[in-house]
Amino acid sequence: MSAATILEEEQKHALHSREFGFWIYLMTDAVIFALLFASYAVLAKNSAAGPTSKELFDLGRTSVETGLLLVSSLTFGMASIALMHDQKGRVVRWLIVTLLLGLAFLGMELSEFSGMIDKGAGPEVSGFLSAFFTLVGTHGLHVALGSLGIVVMIAQVLTKGLTAPVRSRLTRLGLFWHFLDIVWIGIFSVVYLPGVL
């Protein structure tokens, strides 16, 4: 075996190890969200005579947030398709669109939190609000970290090109982003819809 072949095999092994480690991370993150969902389910009716979900939640706003995240999942998918076809420029453009959608989602979520706190419905008011802010805030933190990851990947694609390590990182980031969309669908279905209906 030549030195180049050995180096290539070592790189493939390292990338596979990272991918396996990332799946382990996603599973632990899924457990964390499962625990947060369980906590919310237990505390959802404990409003301590404070504001309830029917008074606070705006299903129209939450539907727009959901639309933003679902479309961002589609645009990340388009970036992944462009990656498969070695279209560096299209990868970057789709990542930028995904980033803008993610930032719009975060802006709406922060606006919602701010509005709730202004109405005296902060996380310290009741068990329901503590569980709500923890679950939805943890998801928002993940979206913020994913957005930062997109910025880093845009920079790496522009400076390093579509090398094997960059492709691997971008694929893992895509898995993370799609995972966040799945979690949000859970939040929409478990928190917002029952809270309003």
C-alpha atoms as a PDB file:
ATOM      1  CA  MET A   1       0.000   0.000   0.000  1.00  0.00           C
ATOM      2  CA  SER A   2       1.239   3.450  -0.848  1.00  0.00           C
ATOM      3  CA  ALA A   3       1.459   6.217   1.741  1.00  0.00           C
ATOM      4  CA  ALA A   4      -1.329   8.131  -0.024  1.00  0.00           C
ATOM      5  CA  THR A   5      -3.649   5.113   0.138  1.00  0.00           C
ATOM      6  CA  ILE A   6      -2.926   4.595   3.830  1.00  0.00           C
ATOM      7  CA  LEU A   7      -3.573   8.285   4.538  1.00  0.00           C
ATOM      8  CA  GLU A   8      -6.851   8.144   2.600  1.00  0.00           C
ATOM      9  CA  GLU A   9      -7.982   5.052   4.542  1.00  0.00           C
ATOM     10  CA  GLU A  10      -7.090   6.716   7.864  1.00  0.00           C
ATOM     11  CA  GLN A  11      -9.080   9.799   6.862  1.00  0.00           C
ATOM     12  CA  LYS A  12     -12.121   7.662   5.926  1.00  0.00           C
ATOM     13  CA  HIS A  13     -11.900   5.823   9.251  1.00  0.00           C
ATOM     14  CA  ALA A  14     -11.665   9.131  11.156  1.00  0.00           C
ATOM     15  CA  LEU A  15     -14.704  10.517   9.314  1.00  0.00           C
ATOM     16  CA  HIS A  16     -16.736   7.347  10.013  1.00  0.00           C
ATOM     17  CA  SER A  17     -15.783   7.568  13.692  1.00  0.00           C
ATOM     18  CA  ARG A  18     -16.955  11.174  13.821  1.00  0.00           C
ATOM     19  CA  GLU A  19     -20.234  10.259  12.139  1.00  0.00           C
ATOM     20  CA  PHE A  20     -20.800   7.473  14.683  1.00  0.00           C
ATOM     21  CA  GLY A  21     -19.987   9.875  17.522  1.00  0.00           C
ATOM     22  CA  PHE A  22     -22.434  12.384  16.093  1.00  0.00           C
ATOM     23  CA  TRP A  23     -25.238   9.777  16.080  1.00  0.00           C
ATOM     24  CA  ILE A  24     -24.463   9.111  19.753  1.00  0.00           C
ATOM     25  CA  TYR A  25     -24.719  12.856  20.400  1.00  0.00           C
ATOM     26  CA  LEU A  26     -28.082  13.064  18.591  1.00  0.00           C
ATOM     27  CA  MET A  27     -29.417  10.173  20.674  1.00  0.00           C
ATOM     28  CA  THR A  28     -28.389  11.883  23.918  1.00  0.00           C
ATOM     29  CA  ASP A  29     -29.978  15.106  22.693  1.00  0.00           C
ATOM     30  CA  ALA A  30     -33.172  13.174  21.925  1.00  0.00           C
ATOM     31  CA  VAL A  31     -33.154  11.863  25.510  1.00  0.00           C
ATOM     32  CA  ILE A  32     -32.760  15.414  26.853  1.00  0.00           C
ATOM     33  CA  PHE A  33     -35.713  16.619  24.783  1.00  0.00           C
ATOM     34  CA  ALA A  34     -37.772  13.577  25.833  1.00  0.00           C
ATOM     35  CA  LEU A  35     -37.180  14.524  29.468  1.00  0.00           C
ATOM     36  CA  LEU A  36     -38.136  18.137  28.783  1.00  0.00           C
ATOM     37  CA  PHE A  37     -41.323  17.002  27.019  1.00  0.00           C
ATOM     38  CA  ALA A  38     -42.153  14.744  29.987  1.00  0.00           C
ATOM     39  CA  SER A  39     -41.582  17.624  32.420  1.00  0.00           C
ATOM     40  CA  TYR A  40     -43.816  19.864  30.360  1.00  0.00           C
ATOM     41  CA  ALA A  41     -46.553  17.201  30.213  1.00  0.00           C
ATOM     42  CA  VAL A  42     -46.500  16.945  34.013  1.00  0.00           C
ATOM     43  CA  LEU A  43     -46.484  20.718  34.607  1.00  0.00           C
ATOM     44  CA  ALA A  44     -48.676  21.938  31.717  1.00  0.00           C
ATOM     45  CA  LYS A  45     -51.781  22.411  33.888  1.00  0.00           C
ATOM     46  CA  ASN A  46     -49.915  23.957  36.854  1.00  0.00           C
ATOM     47  CA  SER A  47     -50.463  27.633  36.110  1.00  0.00           C
ATOM     48  CA  ALA A  48     -50.612  28.647  39.814  1.00  0.00           C
ATOM     49  CA  ALA A  49     -53.533  30.995  39.113  1.00  0.00           C
ATOM     50  CA  GLY A  50     -51.298  32.778  36.606  1.00  0.00           C
ATOM     51  CA  PRO A  51     -51.803  33.064  32.859  1.00  0.00           C
ATOM     52  CA  THR A  52     -52.652  29.851  31.024  1.00  0.00           C
ATOM     53  CA  SER A  53     -51.621  28.637  27.608  1.00  0.00           C
ATOM     54  CA  LYS A  54     -54.961  29.744  26.089  1.00  0.00           C
ATOM     55  CA  GLU A  55     -54.261  33.307  27.223  1.00  0.00           C
ATOM     56  CA  LEU A  56     -50.644  33.338  26.038  1.00  0.00           C
ATOM     57  CA  PHE A  57     -50.260  31.259  22.889  1.00  0.00           C
ATOM     58  CA  ASP A  58     -50.874  32.685  19.433  1.00  0.00           C
ATOM     59  CA  LEU A  59     -51.354  29.797  17.032  1.00  0.00           C
ATOM     60  CA  GLY A  60     -50.996  32.086  14.002  1.00  0.00           C
ATOM     61  CA  ARG A  61     -47.532  33.208  15.074  1.00  0.00           C
ATOM     62  CA  THR A  62     -46.503  29.666  15.962  1.00  0.00           C
ATOM     63  CA  SER A  63     -47.720  28.442  12.563  1.00  0.00           C
ATOM     64  CA  VAL A  64     -45.468  30.995  10.860  1.00  0.00           C
ATOM     65  CA  GLU A  65     -42.534  29.850  13.025  1.00  0.00           C
ATOM     66  CA  THR A  66     -43.305  26.252  12.077  1.00  0.00           C
ATOM     67  CA  GLY A  67     -43.435  27.195   8.404  1.00  0.00           C
ATOM     68  CA  LEU A  68     -40.068  28.936   8.645  1.00  0.00           C
ATOM     69  CA  LEU A  69     -38.408  25.880  10.166  1.00  0.00           C
ATOM     70  CA  LEU A  70     -40.012  23.416   7.757  1.00  0.00           C
ATOM     71  CA  VAL A  71     -38.970  25.500   4.751  1.00  0.00           C
ATOM     72  CA  SER A  72     -35.459  25.798   6.228  1.00  0.00           C
ATOM     73  CA  SER A  73     -35.312  22.010   6.333  1.00  0.00           C
ATOM     74  CA  LEU A  74     -36.211  21.971   2.638  1.00  0.00           C
ATOM     75  CA  THR A  75     -33.541  24.553   1.804  1.00  0.00           C
ATOM     76  CA  PHE A  76     -30.922  22.588   3.751  1.00  0.00           C
ATOM     77  CA  GLY A  77     -32.002  19.566   1.718  1.00  0.00           C
ATOM     78  CA  MET A  78     -31.392  21.596  -1.443  1.00  0.00           C
ATOM     79  CA  ALA A  79     -27.905  22.425  -0.152  1.00  0.00           C
ATOM     80  CA  SER A  80     -27.328  18.686   0.398  1.00  0.00           C
ATOM     81  CA  ILE A  81     -28.440  17.919  -3.175  1.00  0.00           C
ATOM     82  CA  ALA A  82     -26.088  20.617  -4.487  1.00  0.00           C
ATOM     83  CA  LEU A  83     -23.325  19.034  -2.368  1.00  0.00           C
ATOM     84  CA  MET A  84     -23.931  15.646  -4.043  1.00  0.00           C
ATOM     85  CA  HIS A  85     -23.503  17.342  -7.428  1.00  0.00           C
ATOM     86  CA  ASP A  86     -20.329  19.257  -6.422  1.00  0.00           C
ATOM     87  CA  GLN A  87     -22.031  22.640  -6.916  1.00  0.00           C
ATOM     88  CA  LYS A  88     -20.137  24.777  -4.431  1.00  0.00           C
ATOM     89  CA  GLY A  89     -21.936  28.032  -5.282  1.00  0.00           C
ATOM     90  CA  ARG A  90     -25.370  26.485  -4.923  1.00  0.00           C
ATOM     91  CA  VAL A  91     -24.390  24.866  -1.619  1.00  0.00           C
ATOM     92  CA  VAL A  92     -23.438  28.284  -0.259  1.00  0.00           C
ATOM     93  CA  ARG A  93     -26.569  29.992  -1.602  1.00  0.00           C
ATOM     94  CA  TRP A  94     -28.907  27.383  -0.100  1.00  0.00           C
ATOM     95  CA  LEU A  95     -27.048  27.542   3.214  1.00  0.00           C
ATOM     96  CA  ILE A  96     -27.500  31.323   3.277  1.00  0.00           C
ATOM     97  CA  VAL A  97     -31.249  30.938   2.663  1.00  0.00           C
ATOM     98  CA  THR A  98     -31.410  28.315   5.434  1.00  0.00           C
ATOM     99  CA  LEU A  99     -29.534  30.636   7.786  1.00  0.00           C
ATOM    100  CA  LEU A 100     -31.910  33.529   7.072  1.00  0.00           C
ATOM    101  CA  LEU A 101     -34.941  31.320   7.742  1.00  0.00           C
ATOM    102  CA  GLY A 102     -33.386  30.076  10.986  1.00  0.00           C
ATOM    103  CA  LEU A 103     -32.631  33.620  12.119  1.00  0.00           C
ATOM    104  CA  ALA A 104     -36.201  34.713  11.281  1.00  0.00           C
ATOM    105  CA  PHE A 105     -37.478  31.826  13.416  1.00  0.00           C
ATOM    106  CA  LEU A 106     -35.215  32.869  16.301  1.00  0.00           C
ATOM    107  CA  GLY A 107     -36.349  36.480  15.998  1.00  0.00           C
ATOM    108  CA  MET A 108     -39.995  35.436  16.248  1.00  0.00           C
ATOM    109  CA  GLU A 109     -39.285  33.175  19.210  1.00  0.00           C
ATOM    110  CA  LEU A 110     -37.399  35.887  21.092  1.00  0.00           C
ATOM    111  CA  SER A 111     -40.241  38.299  20.341  1.00  0.00           C
ATOM    112  CA  GLU A 112     -42.734  35.785  21.744  1.00  0.00           C
ATOM    113  CA  PHE A 113     -40.670  35.299  24.914  1.00  0.00           C
ATOM    114  CA  SER A 114     -40.269  39.059  25.341  1.00  0.00           C
ATOM    115  CA  GLY A 115     -44.006  39.637  24.904  1.00  0.00           C
ATOM    116  CA  MET A 116     -44.841  36.946  27.453  1.00  0.00           C
ATOM    117  CA  ILE A 117     -42.412  38.367  30.000  1.00  0.00           C
ATOM    118  CA  ASP A 118     -43.817  41.890  29.424  1.00  0.00           C
ATOM    119  CA  LYS A 119     -47.280  40.494  30.273  1.00  0.00           C
ATOM    120  CA  GLY A 120     -45.921  39.143  33.567  1.00  0.00           C
ATOM    121  CA  ALA A 121     -45.724  35.578  32.275  1.00  0.00           C
ATOM    122  CA  GLY A 122     -42.047  34.815  32.836  1.00  0.00           C
ATOM    123  CA  PRO A 123     -40.616  31.413  33.740  1.00  0.00           C
ATOM    124  CA  GLU A 124     -40.727  32.170  37.485  1.00  0.00           C
ATOM    125  CA  VAL A 125     -44.535  32.598  37.564  1.00  0.00           C
ATOM    126  CA  SER A 126     -45.631  28.955  37.476  1.00  0.00           C
ATOM    127  CA  GLY A 127     -44.587  25.385  36.829  1.00  0.00           C
ATOM    128  CA  PHE A 128     -46.279  25.548  33.433  1.00  0.00           C
ATOM    129  CA  LEU A 129     -44.257  28.589  32.372  1.00  0.00           C
ATOM    130  CA  SER A 130     -41.007  27.200  33.780  1.00  0.00           C
ATOM    131  CA  ALA A 131     -41.473  24.009  31.762  1.00  0.00           C
ATOM    132  CA  PHE A 132     -42.540  25.969  28.660  1.00  0.00           C
ATOM    133  CA  PHE A 133     -39.567  28.352  28.705  1.00  0.00           C
ATOM    134  CA  THR A 134     -37.155  25.490  29.398  1.00  0.00           C
ATOM    135  CA  LEU A 135     -38.412  23.258  26.576  1.00  0.00           C
ATOM    136  CA  VAL A 136     -38.912  25.935  23.937  1.00  0.00           C
ATOM    137  CA  GLY A 137     -35.820  27.873  25.047  1.00  0.00           C
ATOM    138  CA  THR A 138     -33.635  24.762  24.821  1.00  0.00           C
ATOM    139  CA  HIS A 139     -34.869  24.201  21.288  1.00  0.00           C
ATOM    140  CA  GLY A 140     -34.186  27.859  20.462  1.00  0.00           C
ATOM    141  CA  LEU A 141     -30.655  27.541  21.833  1.00  0.00           C
ATOM    142  CA  HIS A 142     -30.108  24.550  19.559  1.00  0.00           C
ATOM    143  CA  VAL A 143     -31.370  26.539  16.558  1.00  0.00           C
ATOM    144  CA  ALA A 144     -28.968  29.361  17.481  1.00  0.00           C
ATOM    145  CA  LEU A 145     -26.065  26.892  17.660  1.00  0.00           C
ATOM    146  CA  GLY A 146     -27.170  25.334  14.359  1.00  0.00           C
ATOM    147  CA  SER A 147     -27.244  28.802  12.780  1.00  0.00           C
ATOM    148  CA  LEU A 148     -23.713  29.416  14.017  1.00  0.00           C
ATOM    149  CA  GLY A 149     -22.756  26.051  12.523  1.00  0.00           C
ATOM    150  CA  ILE A 150     -24.191  27.141   9.171  1.00  0.00           C
ATOM    151  CA  VAL A 151     -22.077  30.313   9.251  1.00  0.00           C
ATOM    152  CA  VAL A 152     -18.973  28.208   9.969  1.00  0.00           C
ATOM    153  CA  MET A 153     -19.822  25.786   7.158  1.00  0.00           C
ATOM    154  CA  ILE A 154     -20.378  28.601   4.667  1.00  0.00           C
ATOM    155  CA  ALA A 155     -16.900  29.893   5.543  1.00  0.00           C
ATOM    156  CA  GLN A 156     -15.387  26.411   5.225  1.00  0.00           C
ATOM    157  CA  VAL A 157     -17.024  25.713   1.856  1.00  0.00           C
ATOM    158  CA  LEU A 158     -15.773  29.069   0.542  1.00  0.00           C
ATOM    159  CA  THR A 159     -12.222  28.681   1.871  1.00  0.00           C
ATOM    160  CA  LYS A 160     -11.588  24.916   1.711  1.00  0.00           C
ATOM    161  CA  GLY A 161     -13.978  23.802  -1.007  1.00  0.00           C
ATOM    162  CA  LEU A 162     -15.991  20.597  -0.970  1.00  0.00           C
ATOM    163  CA  THR A 163     -13.312  18.369   0.551  1.00  0.00           C
ATOM    164  CA  ALA A 164     -14.210  15.074   2.258  1.00  0.00           C
ATOM    165  CA  PRO A 165     -13.995  16.556   5.799  1.00  0.00           C
ATOM    166  CA  VAL A 166     -16.132  19.565   4.795  1.00  0.00           C
ATOM    167  CA  ARG A 167     -18.702  17.241   3.202  1.00  0.00           C
ATOM    168  CA  SER A 168     -18.805  15.125   6.348  1.00  0.00           C
ATOM    169  CA  ARG A 169     -19.277  18.177   8.604  1.00  0.00           C
ATOM    170  CA  LEU A 170     -21.997  19.552   6.348  1.00  0.00           C
ATOM    171  CA  THR A 171     -23.820  16.211   6.350  1.00  0.00           C
ATOM    172  CA  ARG A 172     -23.699  16.042  10.156  1.00  0.00           C
ATOM    173  CA  LEU A 173     -24.946  19.626  10.421  1.00  0.00           C
ATOM    174  CA  GLY A 174     -27.816  18.715   8.092  1.00  0.00           C
ATOM    175  CA  LEU A 175     -28.771  15.820  10.373  1.00  0.00           C
ATOM    176  CA  PHE A 176     -28.720  18.194  13.347  1.00  0.00           C
ATOM    177  CA  TRP A 177     -30.871  20.766  11.542  1.00  0.00           C
ATOM    178  CA  HIS A 178     -33.461  18.188  10.471  1.00  0.00           C
ATOM    179  CA  PHE A 179     -33.495  16.800  14.025  1.00  0.00           C
ATOM    180  CA  LEU A 180     -34.392  20.285  15.295  1.00  0.00           C
ATOM    181  CA  ASP A 181     -37.286  20.442  12.850  1.00  0.00           C
ATOM    182  CA  ILE A 182     -38.601  17.121  14.150  1.00  0.00           C
ATOM    183  CA  VAL A 183     -38.319  18.380  17.735  1.00  0.00           C
ATOM    184  CA  TRP A 184     -40.194  21.560  16.778  1.00  0.00           C
ATOM    185  CA  ILE A 185     -43.023  19.546  15.230  1.00  0.00           C
ATOM    186  CA  GLY A 186     -43.217  17.775  18.608  1.00  0.00           C
ATOM    187  CA  ILE A 187     -43.308  21.126  20.420  1.00  0.00           C
ATOM    188  CA  PHE A 188     -46.008  22.438  18.082  1.00  0.00           C
ATOM    189  CA  SER A 189     -48.078  19.257  18.544  1.00  0.00           C
ATOM    190  CA  VAL A 190     -47.577  18.762  22.299  1.00  0.00           C
ATOM    191  CA  VAL A 191     -47.278  22.340  23.580  1.00  0.00           C
ATOM    192  CA  TYR A 192     -48.996  24.821  21.276  1.00  0.00           C
ATOM    193  CA  LEU A 193     -51.907  22.909  19.709  1.00  0.00           C
ATOM    194  CA  PRO A 194     -53.266  21.388  22.966  1.00  0.00           C
ATOM    195  CA  GLY A 195     -52.555  24.664  24.744  1.00  0.00           C
ATOM    196  CA  VAL A 196     -54.857  26.608  22.426  1.00  0.00           C
ATOM    197  CA  LEU A 197     -57.525  24.025  21.609  1.00  0.00           C
END
